[in-house]
């Protein structure tokens, strides 16, 4: 299988994993896209390659940034599904709030995803998030202020934290970037 085929295979598997994580059926997404269930099924099974416009609509229907579906880079055949090189991580999100995220997991087909997060100095999550997930984070460097379920915490290098089906918000009011690794189950990106 060539790199292009490997990238396409990852795309279909990721779309299926994201759809299932949101409790949506093929019919649900097909209706949102005004496409047939058969077409979407073929996309998920890597038998049909969606256009950029299709990817944009799929990303919107799944509530993910387009970059999650578009930024599949081919790994060498013997590493695909096993290794993610530092220079080949998939970017996630827009970075608008000062958060740069990269997918550490090879794809989104596991029961969880691992994310490398860099929080810029003096950045803040604008609105609290409340996801049906369990998340565990580990701070590598810097400090981060967290509001989890109404409780405030400041975490630093070596500290870890858990968010379990609770509203949360983060901020980095400090002069240094904060870097953390998050494990999120089920995958949400």
Foldseek 3Di string as FASTA:
>chain_A
DDQVLLLQQQLLLQLVLLCVQVVHDLVRLCVQVVHDSVVNVCSNRSNDDDDLVSLCSSCVSSVWDSQLNPLRGGDPPVPQQPAADPVRWGWGDDCPQQKTKTWRGSHQNDQKTKIKIKHAAFGWDPDWDFDQKKKKKAWQAAWKWKQAQNDIDIDGHGDMDMHHRTTMIMGHNDNHMIIMMMMIGNDRD
